[in-house]
Amino acid sequence: MKGAITITTAICVAMLAVGVWAQTPTPRALPLENLGLEHLDIVVPDTAASARFYARIFKTTLHQQPVRDTLRYFVVLGDVPADRQVGYVAIGAANGRPAAIGHYCVLAKTYSREGFASGLQAAGLPSAATAPGPIGMWPDPDGLELQLFQPPAGLVTAAVKSPLPVDGEGIVAPIGVDHVMLDVANVDRSLSYYRAVYGSNLEGPREPGGRVWLRLERATRLGLQPVTDGRKPSISHFAIKVRPFDRGALTARLREVGAKEMPSADEPDVVRFLDNNGITVEVRVAS
């Protein structure tokens, strides 16, 4: 997934309007005071087709933003408040790359690019951002990318309600991002990085197979598990927490939109499926 950078100059300009770039830098020693997962980004060959797919799964008000000669869509995970601080899934153009989860975003109580870079450097960890601008994109030891915002951030002001026609409404009401799962080359090496970033007190016990959960704020999680079958490290899937729903109705809708439902015997309360681009998604009722 290294190099899957989808932040654009247009987004930078839009975020300037809400004052993210204007915040006074507040260098702080690691670990970050995290405020939980906020959004994630997927890159796909046809952004409109992907937006329609997700709008038939989730009860959402699609938003959109022009980016160069394409439209970037936003699957909003709840009502948009006045400060636009709401979770979302951003859908950007792959531009010839394979469909994938590009990056995930965590909110931090205080954040500055310079302070974060110097903290990583002092800890002997990768400290070079892979995107320009005051925010940057931060690759872990496998090149998996983290974006950091300091509130107020929220849905970019250039994103407006989308007129994209959708055949029917969604089935489940989203509340926010539940977790993202990182498939890493070496869990211990990755843990050294993420302990520095988030703190070791958030780490759960190691599960059979090597998976480890980091429990972030606002009931969100970051999972690390060893990559298998000779595949490359990646952000392997994401999960959306939702309000209680009719599982039979959701299963029927997944069939209608051509999604492939995946087994979830390890988590029987979860509905797991492949979206129209083969990206793995989970839906789970918020606890």
C-alpha atoms as a PDB file:
ATOM      1  CA  MET A   1       0.000   0.000   0.000  1.00  0.00           C
ATOM      2  CA  LYS A   2       3.048   2.216   0.190  1.00  0.00           C
ATOM      3  CA  GLY A   3       2.597   5.248  -2.040  1.00  0.00           C
ATOM      4  CA  ALA A   4      -1.198   5.080  -1.978  1.00  0.00           C
ATOM      5  CA  ILE A   5      -1.433   8.785  -1.123  1.00  0.00           C
ATOM      6  CA  THR A   6      -4.782  10.331  -1.843  1.00  0.00           C
ATOM      7  CA  ILE A   7      -4.556  13.646   0.036  1.00  0.00           C
ATOM      8  CA  THR A   8      -4.653  16.407  -2.579  1.00  0.00           C
ATOM      9  CA  THR A   9      -3.948  20.088  -2.905  1.00  0.00           C
ATOM     10  CA  ALA A  10      -7.683  20.668  -3.186  1.00  0.00           C
ATOM     11  CA  ILE A  11      -8.283  18.994   0.156  1.00  0.00           C
ATOM     12  CA  CYS A  12      -5.496  21.027   1.740  1.00  0.00           C
ATOM     13  CA  VAL A  13      -7.140  24.244   0.566  1.00  0.00           C
ATOM     14  CA  ALA A  14     -10.529  23.067   1.824  1.00  0.00           C
ATOM     15  CA  MET A  15      -9.169  22.166   5.249  1.00  0.00           C
ATOM     16  CA  LEU A  16      -7.566  25.591   5.491  1.00  0.00           C
ATOM     17  CA  ALA A  17     -11.063  27.031   5.505  1.00  0.00           C
ATOM     18  CA  VAL A  18     -11.885  25.275   8.765  1.00  0.00           C
ATOM     19  CA  GLY A  19      -8.682  26.364  10.420  1.00  0.00           C
ATOM     20  CA  VAL A  20      -6.838  23.057  10.677  1.00  0.00           C
ATOM     21  CA  TRP A  21      -3.677  24.482   9.156  1.00  0.00           C
ATOM     22  CA  ALA A  22      -3.982  27.673  11.204  1.00  0.00           C
ATOM     23  CA  GLN A  23      -3.775  25.920  14.562  1.00  0.00           C
ATOM     24  CA  THR A  24      -0.790  26.890  16.659  1.00  0.00           C
ATOM     25  CA  PRO A  25       1.753  24.045  16.565  1.00  0.00           C
ATOM     26  CA  THR A  26       1.986  22.366  19.937  1.00  0.00           C
ATOM     27  CA  PRO A  27       4.985  20.051  19.950  1.00  0.00           C
ATOM     28  CA  ARG A  28       4.408  17.218  22.373  1.00  0.00           C
ATOM     29  CA  ALA A  29       6.486  14.226  23.295  1.00  0.00           C
ATOM     30  CA  LEU A  30       5.032  10.914  22.228  1.00  0.00           C
ATOM     31  CA  PRO A  31       2.737   9.134  22.868  1.00  0.00           C
ATOM     32  CA  LEU A  32      -0.086  11.107  21.330  1.00  0.00           C
ATOM     33  CA  GLU A  33      -3.216  11.899  23.288  1.00  0.00           C
ATOM     34  CA  ASN A  34      -5.448  10.178  20.757  1.00  0.00           C
ATOM     35  CA  LEU A  35      -9.146  10.886  20.329  1.00  0.00           C
ATOM     36  CA  GLY A  36      -9.873   7.746  18.346  1.00  0.00           C
ATOM     37  CA  LEU A  37     -10.294   6.781  14.696  1.00  0.00           C
ATOM     38  CA  GLU A  38     -12.096   9.349  12.587  1.00  0.00           C
ATOM     39  CA  HIS A  39     -12.086   8.261   8.952  1.00  0.00           C
ATOM     40  CA  LEU A  40     -10.403   6.116   6.373  1.00  0.00           C
ATOM     41  CA  ASP A  41      -9.778   6.362   2.670  1.00  0.00           C
ATOM     42  CA  ILE A  42     -10.250   3.863  -0.127  1.00  0.00           C
ATOM     43  CA  VAL A  43      -8.999   4.195  -3.700  1.00  0.00           C
ATOM     44  CA  VAL A  44     -11.050   2.612  -6.476  1.00  0.00           C
ATOM     45  CA  PRO A  45     -11.260   2.674 -10.289  1.00  0.00           C
ATOM     46  CA  ASP A  46     -14.813   4.096 -10.402  1.00  0.00           C
ATOM     47  CA  THR A  47     -15.636   6.413  -7.503  1.00  0.00           C
ATOM     48  CA  ALA A  48     -19.294   6.889  -8.468  1.00  0.00           C
ATOM     49  CA  ALA A  49     -19.950   3.128  -8.657  1.00  0.00           C
ATOM     50  CA  SER A  50     -18.315   2.661  -5.269  1.00  0.00           C
ATOM     51  CA  ALA A  51     -20.325   5.511  -3.750  1.00  0.00           C
ATOM     52  CA  ARG A  52     -23.567   3.994  -5.028  1.00  0.00           C
ATOM     53  CA  PHE A  53     -22.572   0.617  -3.588  1.00  0.00           C
ATOM     54  CA  TYR A  54     -21.972   2.001  -0.106  1.00  0.00           C
ATOM     55  CA  ALA A  55     -25.079   4.194  -0.211  1.00  0.00           C
ATOM     56  CA  ARG A  56     -27.184   1.043  -0.700  1.00  0.00           C
ATOM     57  CA  ILE A  57     -25.575  -0.569   2.365  1.00  0.00           C
ATOM     58  CA  PHE A  58     -25.387   2.374   4.770  1.00  0.00           C
ATOM     59  CA  LYS A  59     -28.026   4.972   5.556  1.00  0.00           C
ATOM     60  CA  THR A  60     -25.951   7.997   4.653  1.00  0.00           C
ATOM     61  CA  THR A  61     -26.040  11.352   2.944  1.00  0.00           C
ATOM     62  CA  LEU A  62     -23.378  11.092   0.286  1.00  0.00           C
ATOM     63  CA  HIS A  63     -21.106  14.092  -0.099  1.00  0.00           C
ATOM     64  CA  GLN A  64     -18.743  14.877  -2.921  1.00  0.00           C
ATOM     65  CA  GLN A  65     -15.806  17.114  -3.758  1.00  0.00           C
ATOM     66  CA  PRO A  66     -14.182  17.838  -7.128  1.00  0.00           C
ATOM     67  CA  VAL A  67     -10.553  16.734  -7.258  1.00  0.00           C
ATOM     68  CA  ARG A  68      -8.826  17.534 -10.528  1.00  0.00           C
ATOM     69  CA  ASP A  69     -10.946  15.837 -13.209  1.00  0.00           C
ATOM     70  CA  THR A  70     -12.750  13.411 -10.887  1.00  0.00           C
ATOM     71  CA  LEU A  71     -15.167  13.493  -7.979  1.00  0.00           C
ATOM     72  CA  ARG A  72     -14.178  12.289  -4.544  1.00  0.00           C
ATOM     73  CA  TYR A  73     -17.121  10.904  -2.573  1.00  0.00           C
ATOM     74  CA  PHE A  74     -17.670  10.719   1.172  1.00  0.00           C
ATOM     75  CA  VAL A  75     -19.818   8.082   2.886  1.00  0.00           C
ATOM     76  CA  VAL A  76     -20.772  10.008   6.004  1.00  0.00           C
ATOM     77  CA  LEU A  77     -21.127   7.871   9.139  1.00  0.00           C
ATOM     78  CA  GLY A  78     -23.842   9.841  10.922  1.00  0.00           C
ATOM     79  CA  ASP A  79     -25.483  13.254  10.869  1.00  0.00           C
ATOM     80  CA  VAL A  80     -23.199  16.140   9.948  1.00  0.00           C
ATOM     81  CA  PRO A  81     -23.064  18.655  12.837  1.00  0.00           C
ATOM     82  CA  ALA A  82     -22.295  22.348  12.454  1.00  0.00           C
ATOM     83  CA  ASP A  83     -18.569  21.786  13.005  1.00  0.00           C
ATOM     84  CA  ARG A  84     -18.630  18.894  10.484  1.00  0.00           C
ATOM     85  CA  GLN A  85     -16.819  16.706  13.003  1.00  0.00           C
ATOM     86  CA  VAL A  86     -18.158  13.358  11.811  1.00  0.00           C
ATOM     87  CA  GLY A  87     -16.637  10.053  10.733  1.00  0.00           C
ATOM     88  CA  TYR A  88     -16.609   9.061   7.098  1.00  0.00           C
ATOM     89  CA  VAL A  89     -15.210   6.799   4.411  1.00  0.00           C
ATOM     90  CA  ALA A  90     -13.561   8.807   1.639  1.00  0.00           C
ATOM     91  CA  ILE A  91     -13.643   7.310  -1.861  1.00  0.00           C
ATOM     92  CA  GLY A  92     -10.889   8.525  -4.166  1.00  0.00           C
ATOM     93  CA  ALA A  93      -9.730   7.655  -7.666  1.00  0.00           C
ATOM     94  CA  ALA A  94      -7.143   4.873  -7.881  1.00  0.00           C
ATOM     95  CA  ASN A  95      -5.635   6.305 -11.080  1.00  0.00           C
ATOM     96  CA  GLY A  96      -4.443   2.926 -12.289  1.00  0.00           C
ATOM     97  CA  ARG A  97      -3.487   1.513  -8.890  1.00  0.00           C
ATOM     98  CA  PRO A  98      -5.217  -1.563  -7.445  1.00  0.00           C
ATOM     99  CA  ALA A  99      -8.312  -0.892  -5.342  1.00  0.00           C
ATOM    100  CA  ALA A 100      -7.242  -0.681  -1.717  1.00  0.00           C
ATOM    101  CA  ILE A 101      -7.597   1.019   1.643  1.00  0.00           C
ATOM    102  CA  GLY A 102      -5.181   3.910   1.287  1.00  0.00           C
ATOM    103  CA  HIS A 103      -4.850   5.321   4.800  1.00  0.00           C
ATOM    104  CA  TYR A 104      -6.634   5.718   8.104  1.00  0.00           C
ATOM    105  CA  CYS A 105      -6.976   8.829  10.239  1.00  0.00           C
ATOM    106  CA  VAL A 106      -6.754   9.276  14.008  1.00  0.00           C
ATOM    107  CA  LEU A 107      -7.676  12.463  15.856  1.00  0.00           C
ATOM    108  CA  ALA A 108      -5.166  13.798  18.367  1.00  0.00           C
ATOM    109  CA  LYS A 109      -5.855  16.242  21.179  1.00  0.00           C
ATOM    110  CA  THR A 110      -2.865  18.276  20.032  1.00  0.00           C
ATOM    111  CA  TYR A 111      -0.837  17.704  16.881  1.00  0.00           C
ATOM    112  CA  SER A 112       1.791  19.401  14.781  1.00  0.00           C
ATOM    113  CA  ARG A 113       3.740  17.874  11.923  1.00  0.00           C
ATOM    114  CA  GLU A 114       7.038  19.146  13.290  1.00  0.00           C
ATOM    115  CA  GLY A 115       6.405  17.941  16.816  1.00  0.00           C
ATOM    116  CA  PHE A 116       5.302  14.484  15.693  1.00  0.00           C
ATOM    117  CA  ALA A 117       8.287  14.094  13.355  1.00  0.00           C
ATOM    118  CA  SER A 118      10.735  15.104  16.053  1.00  0.00           C
ATOM    119  CA  GLY A 119       9.132  12.681  18.520  1.00  0.00           C
ATOM    120  CA  LEU A 120       9.461   9.794  16.056  1.00  0.00           C
ATOM    121  CA  GLN A 121      13.026  10.767  15.241  1.00  0.00           C
ATOM    122  CA  ALA A 122      13.977  10.895  18.922  1.00  0.00           C
ATOM    123  CA  ALA A 123      12.553   7.378  19.327  1.00  0.00           C
ATOM    124  CA  GLY A 124      14.599   6.093  16.371  1.00  0.00           C
ATOM    125  CA  LEU A 125      11.482   5.402  14.283  1.00  0.00           C
ATOM    126  CA  PRO A 126      10.512   6.271  10.674  1.00  0.00           C
ATOM    127  CA  SER A 127       9.931  10.024  10.772  1.00  0.00           C
ATOM    128  CA  ALA A 128       9.604  11.170   7.147  1.00  0.00           C
ATOM    129  CA  ALA A 129       6.084  12.077   6.010  1.00  0.00           C
ATOM    130  CA  THR A 130       5.009  10.859   2.573  1.00  0.00           C
ATOM    131  CA  ALA A 131       2.669  13.731   1.688  1.00  0.00           C
ATOM    132  CA  PRO A 132       3.307  17.469   1.434  1.00  0.00           C
ATOM    133  CA  GLY A 133       1.619  20.156   3.470  1.00  0.00           C
ATOM    134  CA  PRO A 134       1.232  20.856   7.195  1.00  0.00           C
ATOM    135  CA  ILE A 135      -0.530  17.543   7.908  1.00  0.00           C
ATOM    136  CA  GLY A 136       1.534  14.922   6.091  1.00  0.00           C
ATOM    137  CA  MET A 137       0.983  11.186   5.922  1.00  0.00           C
ATOM    138  CA  TRP A 138       2.993   8.975   8.262  1.00  0.00           C
ATOM    139  CA  PRO A 139       4.208   5.532   7.122  1.00  0.00           C
ATOM    140  CA  ASP A 140       4.797   2.834   9.725  1.00  0.00           C
ATOM    141  CA  PRO A 141       7.679   0.319   9.353  1.00  0.00           C
ATOM    142  CA  ASP A 142       5.708  -1.430   6.561  1.00  0.00           C
ATOM    143  CA  GLY A 143       4.767   1.785   4.788  1.00  0.00           C
ATOM    144  CA  LEU A 144       1.120   1.661   5.988  1.00  0.00           C
ATOM    145  CA  GLU A 145      -0.090   5.216   6.239  1.00  0.00           C
ATOM    146  CA  LEU A 146      -1.543   7.115   9.187  1.00  0.00           C
ATOM    147  CA  GLN A 147      -3.052  10.574   8.919  1.00  0.00           C
ATOM    148  CA  LEU A 148      -3.404  12.749  12.009  1.00  0.00           C
ATOM    149  CA  PHE A 149      -5.807  15.616  12.585  1.00  0.00           C
ATOM    150  CA  GLN A 150      -6.377  17.892  15.533  1.00  0.00           C
ATOM    151  CA  PRO A 151      -9.996  18.992  16.047  1.00  0.00           C
ATOM    152  CA  PRO A 152     -11.694  20.829  14.549  1.00  0.00           C
ATOM    153  CA  ALA A 153     -11.080  18.768  11.422  1.00  0.00           C
ATOM    154  CA  GLY A 154     -14.177  16.916  10.284  1.00  0.00           C
ATOM    155  CA  LEU A 155     -15.646  16.579   6.816  1.00  0.00           C
ATOM    156  CA  VAL A 156     -13.803  18.963   4.486  1.00  0.00           C
ATOM    157  CA  THR A 157     -15.721  22.156   3.761  1.00  0.00           C
ATOM    158  CA  ALA A 158     -15.401  21.664   0.002  1.00  0.00           C
ATOM    159  CA  ALA A 159     -17.520  18.509   0.275  1.00  0.00           C
ATOM    160  CA  VAL A 160     -21.194  19.167  -0.461  1.00  0.00           C
ATOM    161  CA  LYS A 161     -24.219  16.893  -0.595  1.00  0.00           C
ATOM    162  CA  SER A 162     -24.007  14.749  -3.694  1.00  0.00           C
ATOM    163  CA  PRO A 163     -26.752  14.595  -6.328  1.00  0.00           C
ATOM    164  CA  LEU A 164     -25.499  11.170  -7.426  1.00  0.00           C
ATOM    165  CA  PRO A 165     -28.586   9.020  -8.133  1.00  0.00           C
ATOM    166  CA  VAL A 166     -28.773   5.879  -5.980  1.00  0.00           C
ATOM    167  CA  ASP A 167     -31.226   3.037  -6.515  1.00  0.00           C
ATOM    168  CA  GLY A 168     -32.838   2.783  -3.090  1.00  0.00           C
ATOM    169  CA  GLU A 169     -31.730   3.587   0.455  1.00  0.00           C
ATOM    170  CA  GLY A 170     -29.265   1.941   2.770  1.00  0.00           C
ATOM    171  CA  ILE A 171     -30.090  -0.834   5.231  1.00  0.00           C
ATOM    172  CA  VAL A 172     -27.937  -0.061   8.285  1.00  0.00           C
ATOM    173  CA  ALA A 173     -27.420   3.177  10.202  1.00  0.00           C
ATOM    174  CA  PRO A 174     -23.707   3.869  10.738  1.00  0.00           C
ATOM    175  CA  ILE A 175     -22.318   5.473  13.888  1.00  0.00           C
ATOM    176  CA  GLY A 176     -18.611   5.633  13.081  1.00  0.00           C
ATOM    177  CA  VAL A 177     -15.455   3.676  12.407  1.00  0.00           C
ATOM    178  CA  ASP A 178     -15.025   0.680  14.731  1.00  0.00           C
ATOM    179  CA  HIS A 179     -11.551  -0.482  13.705  1.00  0.00           C
ATOM    180  CA  VAL A 180      -9.007  -0.930  10.974  1.00  0.00           C
ATOM    181  CA  MET A 181      -6.824  -4.034  10.684  1.00  0.00           C
ATOM    182  CA  LEU A 182      -3.178  -3.804   9.665  1.00  0.00           C
ATOM    183  CA  ASP A 183      -1.503  -6.876   8.182  1.00  0.00           C
ATOM    184  CA  VAL A 184       2.156  -6.357   9.084  1.00  0.00           C
ATOM    185  CA  ALA A 185       5.381  -8.171   8.255  1.00  0.00           C
ATOM    186  CA  ASN A 186       6.507  -8.410  11.886  1.00  0.00           C
ATOM    187  CA  VAL A 187       4.111  -7.755  14.756  1.00  0.00           C
ATOM    188  CA  ASP A 188       6.860  -7.098  17.315  1.00  0.00           C
ATOM    189  CA  ARG A 189       8.549  -4.547  15.060  1.00  0.00           C
ATOM    190  CA  SER A 190       5.214  -2.826  14.418  1.00  0.00           C
ATOM    191  CA  LEU A 191       4.343  -2.839  18.105  1.00  0.00           C
ATOM    192  CA  SER A 192       7.544  -0.931  18.885  1.00  0.00           C
ATOM    193  CA  TYR A 193       6.332   1.779  16.529  1.00  0.00           C
ATOM    194  CA  TYR A 194       2.734   1.869  17.709  1.00  0.00           C
ATOM    195  CA  ARG A 195       3.650   1.774  21.390  1.00  0.00           C
ATOM    196  CA  ALA A 196       5.684   4.907  20.788  1.00  0.00           C
ATOM    197  CA  VAL A 197       2.843   6.575  18.887  1.00  0.00           C
ATOM    198  CA  TYR A 198      -0.110   5.627  21.106  1.00  0.00           C
ATOM    199  CA  GLY A 199       1.402   4.299  24.350  1.00  0.00           C
ATOM    200  CA  SER A 200       1.819   0.750  25.635  1.00  0.00           C
ATOM    201  CA  ASN A 201      -1.105   1.018  28.065  1.00  0.00           C
ATOM    202  CA  LEU A 202      -3.604   0.608  25.183  1.00  0.00           C
ATOM    203  CA  GLU A 203      -2.320  -2.792  24.121  1.00  0.00           C
ATOM    204  CA  GLY A 204      -4.398  -5.937  24.672  1.00  0.00           C
ATOM    205  CA  PRO A 205      -3.131  -9.511  25.044  1.00  0.00           C
ATOM    206  CA  ARG A 206      -1.796 -11.289  21.996  1.00  0.00           C
ATOM    207  CA  GLU A 207      -4.396 -13.620  20.495  1.00  0.00           C
ATOM    208  CA  PRO A 208      -3.810 -17.025  18.891  1.00  0.00           C
ATOM    209  CA  GLY A 209      -2.318 -16.373  15.477  1.00  0.00           C
ATOM    210  CA  GLY A 210      -0.495 -13.292  16.719  1.00  0.00           C
ATOM    211  CA  ARG A 211      -3.184 -10.604  16.495  1.00  0.00           C
ATOM    212  CA  VAL A 212      -2.927  -7.670  18.910  1.00  0.00           C
ATOM    213  CA  TRP A 213      -5.493  -4.918  19.495  1.00  0.00           C
ATOM    214  CA  LEU A 214      -4.734  -1.337  20.471  1.00  0.00           C
ATOM    215  CA  ARG A 215      -7.790   0.184  22.099  1.00  0.00           C
ATOM    216  CA  LEU A 216      -7.999   3.837  21.135  1.00  0.00           C
ATOM    217  CA  GLU A 217     -10.380   6.435  22.484  1.00  0.00           C
ATOM    218  CA  ARG A 218     -14.096   6.661  21.637  1.00  0.00           C
ATOM    219  CA  ALA A 219     -14.426   2.868  21.510  1.00  0.00           C
ATOM    220  CA  THR A 220     -12.282   2.535  18.386  1.00  0.00           C
ATOM    221  CA  ARG A 221      -9.503   0.012  17.769  1.00  0.00           C
ATOM    222  CA  LEU A 222      -6.399  -0.577  15.727  1.00  0.00           C
ATOM    223  CA  GLY A 223      -5.537  -4.216  15.004  1.00  0.00           C
ATOM    224  CA  LEU A 224      -2.133  -5.660  14.105  1.00  0.00           C
ATOM    225  CA  GLN A 225      -1.769  -9.152  12.729  1.00  0.00           C
ATOM    226  CA  PRO A 226       0.990 -10.970  10.832  1.00  0.00           C
ATOM    227  CA  VAL A 227       0.632 -11.044   7.078  1.00  0.00           C
ATOM    228  CA  THR A 228       0.101 -14.554   5.670  1.00  0.00           C
ATOM    229  CA  ASP A 229       0.233 -16.489   2.400  1.00  0.00           C
ATOM    230  CA  GLY A 230       3.126 -14.468   1.014  1.00  0.00           C
ATOM    231  CA  ARG A 231       1.009 -11.339   0.657  1.00  0.00           C
ATOM    232  CA  LYS A 232       2.362  -7.838   1.177  1.00  0.00           C
ATOM    233  CA  PRO A 233       1.600  -5.788   4.299  1.00  0.00           C
ATOM    234  CA  SER A 234      -1.590  -3.786   3.908  1.00  0.00           C
ATOM    235  CA  ILE A 235      -4.528  -2.209   5.657  1.00  0.00           C
ATOM    236  CA  SER A 236      -6.521  -5.386   5.189  1.00  0.00           C
ATOM    237  CA  HIS A 237     -10.027  -4.379   6.243  1.00  0.00           C
ATOM    238  CA  PHE A 238     -12.124  -1.855   8.106  1.00  0.00           C
ATOM    239  CA  ALA A 239     -15.187  -2.188  10.324  1.00  0.00           C
ATOM    240  CA  ILE A 240     -18.073   0.235  10.765  1.00  0.00           C
ATOM    241  CA  LYS A 241     -20.099   0.283  13.968  1.00  0.00           C
ATOM    242  CA  VAL A 242     -23.816   0.616  13.390  1.00  0.00           C
ATOM    243  CA  ARG A 243     -27.148   0.671  15.164  1.00  0.00           C
ATOM    244  CA  PRO A 244     -29.042  -2.651  15.550  1.00  0.00           C
ATOM    245  CA  PHE A 245     -30.207  -3.926  12.162  1.00  0.00           C
ATOM    246  CA  ASP A 246     -32.063  -6.750  10.435  1.00  0.00           C
ATOM    247  CA  ARG A 247     -29.344  -9.224   9.466  1.00  0.00           C
ATOM    248  CA  GLY A 248     -31.561 -10.996   6.950  1.00  0.00           C
ATOM    249  CA  ALA A 249     -32.359  -7.715   5.205  1.00  0.00           C
ATOM    250  CA  LEU A 250     -28.683  -6.806   5.059  1.00  0.00           C
ATOM    251  CA  THR A 251     -27.752 -10.223   3.667  1.00  0.00           C
ATOM    252  CA  ALA A 252     -30.406  -9.812   0.986  1.00  0.00           C
ATOM    253  CA  ARG A 253     -29.129  -6.361   0.102  1.00  0.00           C
ATOM    254  CA  LEU A 254     -25.573  -7.631  -0.172  1.00  0.00           C
ATOM    255  CA  ARG A 255     -26.799 -10.176  -2.719  1.00  0.00           C
ATOM    256  CA  GLU A 256     -28.656  -7.441  -4.622  1.00  0.00           C
ATOM    257  CA  VAL A 257     -25.561  -5.269  -4.987  1.00  0.00           C
ATOM    258  CA  GLY A 258     -23.298  -8.180  -5.877  1.00  0.00           C
ATOM    259  CA  ALA A 259     -21.268  -8.195  -2.661  1.00  0.00           C
ATOM    260  CA  LYS A 260     -19.737 -11.461  -1.512  1.00  0.00           C
ATOM    261  CA  GLU A 261     -20.577 -12.231   2.111  1.00  0.00           C
ATOM    262  CA  MET A 262     -17.620 -13.767   3.933  1.00  0.00           C
ATOM    263  CA  PRO A 263     -17.623 -16.284   6.801  1.00  0.00           C
ATOM    264  CA  SER A 264     -17.410 -14.769  10.270  1.00  0.00           C
ATOM    265  CA  ALA A 265     -17.457 -17.824  12.536  1.00  0.00           C
ATOM    266  CA  ASP A 266     -14.811 -16.162  14.717  1.00  0.00           C
ATOM    267  CA  GLU A 267     -17.170 -13.224  15.285  1.00  0.00           C
ATOM    268  CA  PRO A 268     -20.762 -14.418  14.792  1.00  0.00           C
ATOM    269  CA  ASP A 269     -22.193 -10.968  15.550  1.00  0.00           C
ATOM    270  CA  VAL A 270     -20.309  -9.471  12.588  1.00  0.00           C
ATOM    271  CA  VAL A 271     -21.388  -9.273   8.949  1.00  0.00           C
ATOM    272  CA  ARG A 272     -18.263  -9.447   6.796  1.00  0.00           C
ATOM    273  CA  PHE A 273     -18.277  -8.924   3.031  1.00  0.00           C
ATOM    274  CA  LEU A 274     -16.252  -7.888   0.013  1.00  0.00           C
ATOM    275  CA  ASP A 275     -17.345  -4.626  -1.571  1.00  0.00           C
ATOM    276  CA  ASN A 276     -17.690  -4.114  -5.326  1.00  0.00           C
ATOM    277  CA  ASN A 277     -13.908  -3.698  -5.592  1.00  0.00           C
ATOM    278  CA  GLY A 278     -12.909  -6.634  -3.404  1.00  0.00           C
ATOM    279  CA  ILE A 279     -12.173  -4.561  -0.278  1.00  0.00           C
ATOM    280  CA  THR A 280     -13.094  -6.355   2.957  1.00  0.00           C
ATOM    281  CA  VAL A 281     -15.661  -4.562   5.119  1.00  0.00           C
ATOM    282  CA  GLU A 282     -17.231  -5.497   8.446  1.00  0.00           C
ATOM    283  CA  VAL A 283     -20.453  -4.270   9.994  1.00  0.00           C
ATOM    284  CA  ARG A 284     -20.922  -4.663  13.749  1.00  0.00           C
ATOM    285  CA  VAL A 285     -23.498  -3.358  16.187  1.00  0.00           C
ATOM    286  CA  ALA A 286     -22.018  -0.778  18.563  1.00  0.00           C
ATOM    287  CA  SER A 287     -21.710  -2.088  22.108  1.00  0.00           C
END
